[in-house]
Every structure is written in structure tokens, then in C-alpha cells.
Amino acid sequence: MTTDPIDWQQIEGTLNEDGFACHQRMLSDQQCDALTAGYEREDAYRKRIVMQRHGYGRGEY
């Protein structure tokens, strides 16, 4: 993770107002790449949820 301070009050306000919040540079490029590369590993996660299958729109997590 980055050592830059995180303005948690701003993040909380944005979450309450918009339902989501973005913070730039929380992870390094290498950390993002490692997370992305691990997504397809079935042994890394207990479940994969496909939203469309349940009638909640598109996407998965």
C-alpha cells in the first residue's frame, strides 16, 4: 500500500452521498497487477458470483 495519507472523512462523505468512493494510488502498479493476475485462480477464492445469473445486472465478483 502507499504511504500517502488517506482522507477517510472525504471517503466517508463520498460513500454516503454517491454510494462509492475512489482513492487514487492506494495500491502500487505491481500490487494491482498481482491482484488482477490472481482473479482467474479458482483456488484463491471461495466463490465467484455472476450477477446476471441472479438478475442483478452484469458483472461478477
PDB file of N, CA and C in Angstrom:
ATOM      1  N   MET A   1       0.836  -1.184   0.000  1.00  0.00           N
ATOM      2  CA  MET A   1       0.000   0.000   0.000  1.00  0.00           C
ATOM      3  C   MET A   1       0.878   1.243   0.000  1.00  0.00           C
ATOM      4  N   THR A   2       0.286   2.311  -0.419  1.00  0.00           N
ATOM      5  CA  THR A   2       1.011   3.578  -0.453  1.00  0.00           C
ATOM      6  C   THR A   2       1.143   4.161   0.955  1.00  0.00           C
ATOM      7  N   THR A   3       2.123   5.007   1.131  1.00  0.00           N
ATOM      8  CA  THR A   3       2.298   5.668   2.426  1.00  0.00           C
ATOM      9  C   THR A   3       1.612   7.023   2.458  1.00  0.00           C
ATOM     10  N   ASP A   4       0.973   7.409   1.364  1.00  0.00           N
ATOM     11  CA  ASP A   4       0.241   8.678   1.330  1.00  0.00           C
ATOM     12  C   ASP A   4      -0.938   8.608   2.297  1.00  0.00           C
ATOM     13  N   PRO A   5      -1.197   9.693   3.022  1.00  0.00           N
ATOM     14  CA  PRO A   5      -2.328   9.677   3.954  1.00  0.00           C
ATOM     15  C   PRO A   5      -3.661   9.591   3.204  1.00  0.00           C
ATOM     16  N   ILE A   6      -4.607   8.922   3.816  1.00  0.00           N
ATOM     17  CA  ILE A   6      -5.939   8.766   3.233  1.00  0.00           C
ATOM     18  C   ILE A   6      -6.903   9.659   4.011  1.00  0.00           C
ATOM     19  N   ASP A   7      -7.659  10.467   3.307  1.00  0.00           N
ATOM     20  CA  ASP A   7      -8.645  11.349   3.933  1.00  0.00           C
ATOM     21  C   ASP A   7      -9.939  10.555   4.120  1.00  0.00           C
ATOM     22  N   TRP A   8     -10.033   9.861   5.252  1.00  0.00           N
ATOM     23  CA  TRP A   8     -11.171   8.981   5.497  1.00  0.00           C
ATOM     24  C   TRP A   8     -12.478   9.751   5.628  1.00  0.00           C
ATOM     25  N   GLN A   9     -12.438  10.989   6.102  1.00  0.00           N
ATOM     26  CA  GLN A   9     -13.668  11.784   6.194  1.00  0.00           C
ATOM     27  C   GLN A   9     -14.218  12.087   4.804  1.00  0.00           C
ATOM     28  N   GLN A  10     -13.330  12.396   3.864  1.00  0.00           N
ATOM     29  CA  GLN A  10     -13.779  12.649   2.497  1.00  0.00           C
ATOM     30  C   GLN A  10     -14.340  11.367   1.884  1.00  0.00           C
ATOM     31  N   ILE A  11     -13.671  10.251   2.102  1.00  0.00           N
ATOM     32  CA  ILE A  11     -14.151   8.981   1.559  1.00  0.00           C
ATOM     33  C   ILE A  11     -15.513   8.640   2.152  1.00  0.00           C
ATOM     34  N   GLU A  12     -15.672   8.818   3.454  1.00  0.00           N
ATOM     35  CA  GLU A  12     -16.957   8.544   4.092  1.00  0.00           C
ATOM     36  C   GLU A  12     -18.066   9.429   3.519  1.00  0.00           C
ATOM     37  N   GLY A  13     -17.781  10.719   3.347  1.00  0.00           N
ATOM     38  CA  GLY A  13     -18.772  11.629   2.785  1.00  0.00           C
ATOM     39  C   GLY A  13     -19.171  11.244   1.374  1.00  0.00           C
ATOM     40  N   THR A  14     -18.190  10.872   0.566  1.00  0.00           N
ATOM     41  CA  THR A  14     -18.476  10.465  -0.806  1.00  0.00           C
ATOM     42  C   THR A  14     -19.273   9.165  -0.830  1.00  0.00           C
ATOM     43  N   LEU A  15     -18.925   8.224   0.047  1.00  0.00           N
ATOM     44  CA  LEU A  15     -19.690   6.978   0.136  1.00  0.00           C
ATOM     45  C   LEU A  15     -21.144   7.253   0.494  1.00  0.00           C
ATOM     46  N   ASN A  16     -21.352   8.105   1.471  1.00  0.00           N
ATOM     47  CA  ASN A  16     -22.716   8.426   1.889  1.00  0.00           C
ATOM     48  C   ASN A  16     -23.494   9.150   0.797  1.00  0.00           C
ATOM     49  N   GLU A  17     -22.830  10.019   0.065  1.00  0.00           N
ATOM     50  CA  GLU A  17     -23.506  10.815  -0.960  1.00  0.00           C
ATOM     51  C   GLU A  17     -23.717  10.041  -2.259  1.00  0.00           C
ATOM     52  N   ASP A  18     -22.685   9.322  -2.709  1.00  0.00           N
ATOM     53  CA  ASP A  18     -22.719   8.694  -4.030  1.00  0.00           C
ATOM     54  C   ASP A  18     -22.836   7.173  -4.003  1.00  0.00           C
ATOM     55  N   GLY A  19     -22.582   6.564  -2.856  1.00  0.00           N
ATOM     56  CA  GLY A  19     -22.623   5.107  -2.775  1.00  0.00           C
ATOM     57  C   GLY A  19     -21.312   4.446  -3.143  1.00  0.00           C
ATOM     58  N   PHE A  20     -20.312   5.224  -3.497  1.00  0.00           N
ATOM     59  CA  PHE A  20     -18.980   4.698  -3.809  1.00  0.00           C
ATOM     60  C   PHE A  20     -17.971   5.813  -3.591  1.00  0.00           C
ATOM     61  N   ALA A  21     -16.713   5.426  -3.489  1.00  0.00           N
ATOM     62  CA  ALA A  21     -15.646   6.424  -3.347  1.00  0.00           C
ATOM     63  C   ALA A  21     -14.397   5.893  -4.028  1.00  0.00           C
ATOM     64  N   CYS A  22     -13.636   6.786  -4.604  1.00  0.00           N
ATOM     65  CA  CYS A  22     -12.374   6.427  -5.257  1.00  0.00           C
ATOM     66  C   CYS A  22     -11.224   7.064  -4.498  1.00  0.00           C
ATOM     67  N   HIS A  23     -10.155   6.329  -4.420  1.00  0.00           N
ATOM     68  CA  HIS A  23      -8.926   6.868  -3.834  1.00  0.00           C
ATOM     69  C   HIS A  23      -7.790   6.498  -4.772  1.00  0.00           C
ATOM     70  N   GLN A  24      -7.102   7.485  -5.261  1.00  0.00           N
ATOM     71  CA  GLN A  24      -6.009   7.241  -6.199  1.00  0.00           C
ATOM     72  C   GLN A  24      -4.787   6.711  -5.468  1.00  0.00           C
ATOM     73  N   ARG A  25      -4.161   5.741  -6.067  1.00  0.00           N
ATOM     74  CA  ARG A  25      -2.862   5.228  -5.638  1.00  0.00           C
ATOM     75  C   ARG A  25      -2.862   4.555  -4.270  1.00  0.00           C
ATOM     76  N   MET A  26      -3.922   3.843  -3.933  1.00  0.00           N
ATOM     77  CA  MET A  26      -3.921   3.084  -2.688  1.00  0.00           C
ATOM     78  C   MET A  26      -2.977   1.891  -2.810  1.00  0.00           C
ATOM     79  N   LEU A  27      -2.913   1.312  -4.005  1.00  0.00           N
ATOM     80  CA  LEU A  27      -2.023   0.187  -4.279  1.00  0.00           C
ATOM     81  C   LEU A  27      -1.024   0.580  -5.354  1.00  0.00           C
ATOM     82  N   SER A  28       0.132  -0.040  -5.315  1.00  0.00           N
ATOM     83  CA  SER A  28       1.126   0.198  -6.362  1.00  0.00           C
ATOM     84  C   SER A  28       0.696  -0.520  -7.640  1.00  0.00           C
ATOM     85  N   ASP A  29       1.328  -0.183  -8.747  1.00  0.00           N
ATOM     86  CA  ASP A  29       1.034  -0.869 -10.008  1.00  0.00           C
ATOM     87  C   ASP A  29       1.293  -2.363  -9.878  1.00  0.00           C
ATOM     88  N   GLN A  30       2.356  -2.730  -9.192  1.00  0.00           N
ATOM     89  CA  GLN A  30       2.696  -4.141  -9.019  1.00  0.00           C
ATOM     90  C   GLN A  30       1.636  -4.865  -8.178  1.00  0.00           C
ATOM     91  N   GLN A  31       1.130  -4.225  -7.143  1.00  0.00           N
ATOM     92  CA  GLN A  31       0.088  -4.832  -6.325  1.00  0.00           C
ATOM     93  C   GLN A  31      -1.205  -5.001  -7.124  1.00  0.00           C
ATOM     94  N   CYS A  32      -1.550  -4.020  -7.934  1.00  0.00           N
ATOM     95  CA  CYS A  32      -2.735  -4.130  -8.794  1.00  0.00           C
ATOM     96  C   CYS A  32      -2.576  -5.271  -9.790  1.00  0.00           C
ATOM     97  N   ASP A  33      -1.402  -5.368 -10.393  1.00  0.00           N
ATOM     98  CA  ASP A  33      -1.139  -6.450 -11.344  1.00  0.00           C
ATOM     99  C   ASP A  33      -1.267  -7.812 -10.676  1.00  0.00           C
ATOM    100  N   ALA A  34      -0.755  -7.950  -9.451  1.00  0.00           N
ATOM    101  CA  ALA A  34      -0.833  -9.223  -8.734  1.00  0.00           C
ATOM    102  C   ALA A  34      -2.282  -9.592  -8.423  1.00  0.00           C
ATOM    103  N   LEU A  35      -3.084  -8.615  -8.013  1.00  0.00           N
ATOM    104  CA  LEU A  35      -4.498  -8.882  -7.753  1.00  0.00           C
ATOM    105  C   LEU A  35      -5.234  -9.279  -9.027  1.00  0.00           C
ATOM    106  N   THR A  36      -4.960  -8.562 -10.104  1.00  0.00           N
ATOM    107  CA  THR A  36      -5.594  -8.863 -11.386  1.00  0.00           C
ATOM    108  C   THR A  36      -5.217 -10.255 -11.868  1.00  0.00           C
ATOM    109  N   ALA A  37      -3.954 -10.595 -11.765  1.00  0.00           N
ATOM    110  CA  ALA A  37      -3.483 -11.908 -12.224  1.00  0.00           C
ATOM    111  C   ALA A  37      -4.099 -13.036 -11.404  1.00  0.00           C
ATOM    112  N   GLY A  38      -4.380 -12.793 -10.141  1.00  0.00           N
ATOM    113  CA  GLY A  38      -4.932 -13.832  -9.279  1.00  0.00           C
ATOM    114  C   GLY A  38      -6.420 -14.049  -9.427  1.00  0.00           C
ATOM    115  N   TYR A  39      -7.102 -13.190 -10.163  1.00  0.00           N
ATOM    116  CA  TYR A  39      -8.562 -13.290 -10.259  1.00  0.00           C
ATOM    117  C   TYR A  39      -9.020 -14.613 -10.857  1.00  0.00           C
ATOM    118  N   GLU A  40      -8.325 -15.114 -11.841  1.00  0.00           N
ATOM    119  CA  GLU A  40      -8.727 -16.352 -12.517  1.00  0.00           C
ATOM    120  C   GLU A  40      -8.349 -17.607 -11.732  1.00  0.00           C
ATOM    121  N   ARG A  41      -7.580 -17.475 -10.671  1.00  0.00           N
ATOM    122  CA  ARG A  41      -7.176 -18.636  -9.876  1.00  0.00           C
ATOM    123  C   ARG A  41      -8.348 -19.101  -9.024  1.00  0.00           C
ATOM    124  N   GLU A  42      -8.897 -20.252  -9.341  1.00  0.00           N
ATOM    125  CA  GLU A  42     -10.047 -20.760  -8.602  1.00  0.00           C
ATOM    126  C   GLU A  42      -9.698 -21.117  -7.164  1.00  0.00           C
ATOM    127  N   ASP A  43      -8.437 -21.477  -6.905  1.00  0.00           N
ATOM    128  CA  ASP A  43      -8.040 -21.850  -5.546  1.00  0.00           C
ATOM    129  C   ASP A  43      -7.855 -20.637  -4.633  1.00  0.00           C
ATOM    130  N   ALA A  44      -7.871 -19.440  -5.190  1.00  0.00           N
ATOM    131  CA  ALA A  44      -7.634 -18.235  -4.395  1.00  0.00           C
ATOM    132  C   ALA A  44      -8.910 -17.700  -3.742  1.00  0.00           C
ATOM    133  N   TYR A  45     -10.073 -18.099  -4.257  1.00  0.00           N
ATOM    134  CA  TYR A  45     -11.334 -17.561  -3.765  1.00  0.00           C
ATOM    135  C   TYR A  45     -12.316 -18.684  -3.490  1.00  0.00           C
ATOM    136  N   ARG A  46     -13.154 -18.483  -2.512  1.00  0.00           N
ATOM    137  CA  ARG A  46     -14.138 -19.494  -2.149  1.00  0.00           C
ATOM    138  C   ARG A  46     -15.258 -19.580  -3.184  1.00  0.00           C
ATOM    139  N   LYS A  47     -15.716 -18.439  -3.690  1.00  0.00           N
ATOM    140  CA  LYS A  47     -16.832 -18.412  -4.639  1.00  0.00           C
ATOM    141  C   LYS A  47     -16.610 -17.339  -5.684  1.00  0.00           C
ATOM    142  N   ARG A  48     -17.303 -17.490  -6.793  1.00  0.00           N
ATOM    143  CA  ARG A  48     -17.373 -16.455  -7.829  1.00  0.00           C
ATOM    144  C   ARG A  48     -18.855 -16.215  -8.088  1.00  0.00           C
ATOM    145  N   ILE A  49     -19.279 -14.978  -7.978  1.00  0.00           N
ATOM    146  CA  ILE A  49     -20.681 -14.621  -8.158  1.00  0.00           C
ATOM    147  C   ILE A  49     -20.836 -13.904  -9.495  1.00  0.00           C
ATOM    148  N   VAL A  50     -21.695 -14.446 -10.357  1.00  0.00           N
ATOM    149  CA  VAL A  50     -22.019 -13.817 -11.635  1.00  0.00           C
ATOM    150  C   VAL A  50     -23.363 -13.122 -11.441  1.00  0.00           C
ATOM    151  N   MET A  51     -23.347 -11.805 -11.456  1.00  0.00           N
ATOM    152  CA  MET A  51     -24.526 -11.015 -11.113  1.00  0.00           C
ATOM    153  C   MET A  51     -25.707 -11.262 -12.044  1.00  0.00           C
ATOM    154  N   GLN A  52     -25.460 -11.385 -13.338  1.00  0.00           N
ATOM    155  CA  GLN A  52     -26.541 -11.542 -14.308  1.00  0.00           C
ATOM    156  C   GLN A  52     -27.335 -12.823 -14.049  1.00  0.00           C
ATOM    157  N   ARG A  53     -26.654 -13.843 -13.597  1.00  0.00           N
ATOM    158  CA  ARG A  53     -27.318 -15.117 -13.319  1.00  0.00           C
ATOM    159  C   ARG A  53     -28.397 -14.952 -12.252  1.00  0.00           C
ATOM    160  N   HIS A  54     -28.220 -14.003 -11.358  1.00  0.00           N
ATOM    161  CA  HIS A  54     -29.163 -13.785 -10.265  1.00  0.00           C
ATOM    162  C   HIS A  54     -30.113 -12.618 -10.532  1.00  0.00           C
ATOM    163  N   GLY A  55     -30.051 -12.052 -11.741  1.00  0.00           N
ATOM    164  CA  GLY A  55     -30.943 -10.965 -12.101  1.00  0.00           C
ATOM    165  C   GLY A  55     -30.549  -9.610 -11.533  1.00  0.00           C
ATOM    166  N   TYR A  56     -29.250  -9.430 -11.210  1.00  0.00           N
ATOM    167  CA  TYR A  56     -28.788  -8.173 -10.627  1.00  0.00           C
ATOM    168  C   TYR A  56     -27.990  -7.329 -11.599  1.00  0.00           C
ATOM    169  N   GLY A  57     -28.155  -7.519 -12.878  1.00  0.00           N
ATOM    170  CA  GLY A  57     -27.388  -6.749 -13.853  1.00  0.00           C
ATOM    171  C   GLY A  57     -26.213  -7.551 -14.376  1.00  0.00           C
ATOM    172  N   ARG A  58     -25.133  -6.868 -14.721  1.00  0.00           N
ATOM    173  CA  ARG A  58     -23.960  -7.525 -15.288  1.00  0.00           C
ATOM    174  C   ARG A  58     -22.764  -7.379 -14.364  1.00  0.00           C
ATOM    175  N   GLY A  59     -21.792  -8.237 -14.570  1.00  0.00           N
ATOM    176  CA  GLY A  59     -20.562  -8.186 -13.785  1.00  0.00           C
ATOM    177  C   GLY A  59     -20.442  -9.402 -12.894  1.00  0.00           C
ATOM    178  N   GLU A  60     -19.328  -9.495 -12.247  1.00  0.00           N
ATOM    179  CA  GLU A  60     -19.090 -10.597 -11.325  1.00  0.00           C
ATOM    180  C   GLU A  60     -18.113 -10.153 -10.259  1.00  0.00           C
ATOM    181  N   TYR A  61     -18.146 -10.873  -9.188  1.00  0.00           N
ATOM    182  CA  TYR A  61     -17.180 -10.633  -8.117  1.00  0.00           C
ATOM    183  C   TYR A  61     -16.887 -11.927  -7.419  1.00  0.00           C
TER     184      TYR A  61
END
